[in-house]
Amino acid sequence: MVRSVTASAGSATLNVCPSTVPVGSTCTLTVFYDPTTASCTVSPYGYNYASIDLLLVTDGAPGQDFTERFTVTGVPICDD
């Protein structure tokens, strides 16, 4: 089960798996990221540094947490 998904800039959503996945079965999670929801950046080059954190819960082996970090370009520069 997914405990949470968060994006440091922009917004992230994901498809939903059943609350219980039977032993021997799999469930594929797809994260959808929308960088256009980041309103502006303080970078003079229009860069926004974003990360997505996906936290998983399991009753078996320790769950894997996943973090993806990347640079978004072309973000409007914030006016001071």
C-alpha atoms as a PDB file:
ATOM      1  CA  MET A   1       0.000   0.000   0.000  1.00  0.00           C
ATOM      2  CA  VAL A   2       1.240   3.508  -0.746  1.00  0.00           C
ATOM      3  CA  ARG A   3       1.607   5.598   2.369  1.00  0.00           C
ATOM      4  CA  SER A   4       2.211   8.878   0.575  1.00  0.00           C
ATOM      5  CA  VAL A   5       3.524  10.529  -2.556  1.00  0.00           C
ATOM      6  CA  THR A   6       4.771  14.101  -2.436  1.00  0.00           C
ATOM      7  CA  ALA A   7       6.462  16.467  -4.852  1.00  0.00           C
ATOM      8  CA  SER A   8       8.720  19.274  -3.685  1.00  0.00           C
ATOM      9  CA  ALA A   9       7.708  21.452  -6.656  1.00  0.00           C
ATOM     10  CA  GLY A  10       4.816  20.886  -9.017  1.00  0.00           C
ATOM     11  CA  SER A  11       2.303  18.153  -8.258  1.00  0.00           C
ATOM     12  CA  ALA A  12       2.440  14.367  -8.326  1.00  0.00           C
ATOM     13  CA  THR A  13      -0.335  11.782  -8.441  1.00  0.00           C
ATOM     14  CA  LEU A  14      -0.323   8.034  -8.985  1.00  0.00           C
ATOM     15  CA  ASN A  15      -2.613   5.244 -10.012  1.00  0.00           C
ATOM     16  CA  VAL A  16      -4.111   3.216  -7.162  1.00  0.00           C
ATOM     17  CA  CYS A  17      -3.488  -0.463  -6.436  1.00  0.00           C
ATOM     18  CA  PRO A  18      -5.864  -2.552  -4.342  1.00  0.00           C
ATOM     19  CA  SER A  19      -5.363  -2.152  -0.602  1.00  0.00           C
ATOM     20  CA  THR A  20      -4.288  -5.823  -0.458  1.00  0.00           C
ATOM     21  CA  VAL A  21      -2.046  -7.472  -3.037  1.00  0.00           C
ATOM     22  CA  PRO A  22      -2.085 -11.288  -2.706  1.00  0.00           C
ATOM     23  CA  VAL A  23       1.186 -13.151  -2.179  1.00  0.00           C
ATOM     24  CA  GLY A  24       2.822 -13.866  -5.529  1.00  0.00           C
ATOM     25  CA  SER A  25       0.917 -11.050  -7.255  1.00  0.00           C
ATOM     26  CA  THR A  26       2.210  -7.709  -8.404  1.00  0.00           C
ATOM     27  CA  CYS A  27       0.870  -4.199  -8.670  1.00  0.00           C
ATOM     28  CA  THR A  28       2.441  -1.558 -10.893  1.00  0.00           C
ATOM     29  CA  LEU A  29       2.458   2.027  -9.648  1.00  0.00           C
ATOM     30  CA  THR A  30       2.801   4.845 -12.148  1.00  0.00           C
ATOM     31  CA  VAL A  31       3.677   8.313 -10.895  1.00  0.00           C
ATOM     32  CA  PHE A  32       2.343  11.243 -12.915  1.00  0.00           C
ATOM     33  CA  TYR A  33       4.221  14.524 -12.428  1.00  0.00           C
ATOM     34  CA  ASP A  34       2.962  17.937 -13.561  1.00  0.00           C
ATOM     35  CA  PRO A  35       5.739  20.560 -13.419  1.00  0.00           C
ATOM     36  CA  THR A  36       3.444  23.299 -14.752  1.00  0.00           C
ATOM     37  CA  THR A  37       1.873  23.698 -11.307  1.00  0.00           C
ATOM     38  CA  ALA A  38       5.159  25.166 -10.007  1.00  0.00           C
ATOM     39  CA  SER A  39       4.267  28.855 -10.264  1.00  0.00           C
ATOM     40  CA  CYS A  40       7.779  30.334 -10.378  1.00  0.00           C
ATOM     41  CA  THR A  41      11.407  29.865  -9.365  1.00  0.00           C
ATOM     42  CA  VAL A  42      14.090  32.055  -7.806  1.00  0.00           C
ATOM     43  CA  SER A  43      16.675  30.629 -10.233  1.00  0.00           C
ATOM     44  CA  PRO A  44      17.798  33.310 -12.712  1.00  0.00           C
ATOM     45  CA  TYR A  45      17.995  30.549 -15.356  1.00  0.00           C
ATOM     46  CA  GLY A  46      14.383  29.334 -14.985  1.00  0.00           C
ATOM     47  CA  TYR A  47      15.363  26.070 -13.273  1.00  0.00           C
ATOM     48  CA  ASN A  48      13.307  24.397 -10.576  1.00  0.00           C
ATOM     49  CA  TYR A  49      14.869  21.516  -8.660  1.00  0.00           C
ATOM     50  CA  ALA A  50      12.193  18.978  -7.822  1.00  0.00           C
ATOM     51  CA  SER A  51      11.991  15.636  -6.087  1.00  0.00           C
ATOM     52  CA  ILE A  52       9.228  13.068  -5.760  1.00  0.00           C
ATOM     53  CA  ASP A  53       9.081  10.856  -2.666  1.00  0.00           C
ATOM     54  CA  LEU A  54       7.044   7.654  -2.684  1.00  0.00           C
ATOM     55  CA  LEU A  55       6.660   5.894   0.671  1.00  0.00           C
ATOM     56  CA  LEU A  56       5.381   2.308   0.703  1.00  0.00           C
ATOM     57  CA  VAL A  57       3.870   0.203   3.494  1.00  0.00           C
ATOM     58  CA  THR A  58       4.179  -3.584   3.567  1.00  0.00           C
ATOM     59  CA  ASP A  59       3.497  -6.362   6.044  1.00  0.00           C
ATOM     60  CA  GLY A  60       6.230  -8.528   4.494  1.00  0.00           C
ATOM     61  CA  ALA A  61       9.802  -7.490   3.868  1.00  0.00           C
ATOM     62  CA  PRO A  62      10.672  -3.883   4.630  1.00  0.00           C
ATOM     63  CA  GLY A  63       8.990  -1.600   2.105  1.00  0.00           C
ATOM     64  CA  GLN A  64      11.052   0.263  -0.427  1.00  0.00           C
ATOM     65  CA  ASP A  65      10.910   4.030  -0.382  1.00  0.00           C
ATOM     66  CA  PHE A  66      11.639   5.761  -3.661  1.00  0.00           C
ATOM     67  CA  THR A  67      12.943   9.259  -4.362  1.00  0.00           C
ATOM     68  CA  GLU A  68      13.500  10.724  -7.803  1.00  0.00           C
ATOM     69  CA  ARG A  69      15.232  14.085  -8.154  1.00  0.00           C
ATOM     70  CA  PHE A  70      15.405  16.100 -11.345  1.00  0.00           C
ATOM     71  CA  THR A  71      15.658  19.599 -12.808  1.00  0.00           C
ATOM     72  CA  VAL A  72      12.686  21.276 -14.491  1.00  0.00           C
ATOM     73  CA  THR A  73      13.597  23.945 -17.034  1.00  0.00           C
ATOM     74  CA  GLY A  74      11.588  26.853 -18.431  1.00  0.00           C
ATOM     75  CA  VAL A  75       9.882  27.751 -15.140  1.00  0.00           C
ATOM     76  CA  PRO A  76       8.879  31.441 -14.909  1.00  0.00           C
ATOM     77  CA  ILE A  77      11.201  33.493 -12.720  1.00  0.00           C
ATOM     78  CA  CYS A  78       9.592  34.935  -9.586  1.00  0.00           C
ATOM     79  CA  ASP A  79       9.473  38.710  -9.340  1.00  0.00           C
ATOM     80  CA  ASP A  80      11.160  40.035  -6.213  1.00  0.00           C
END
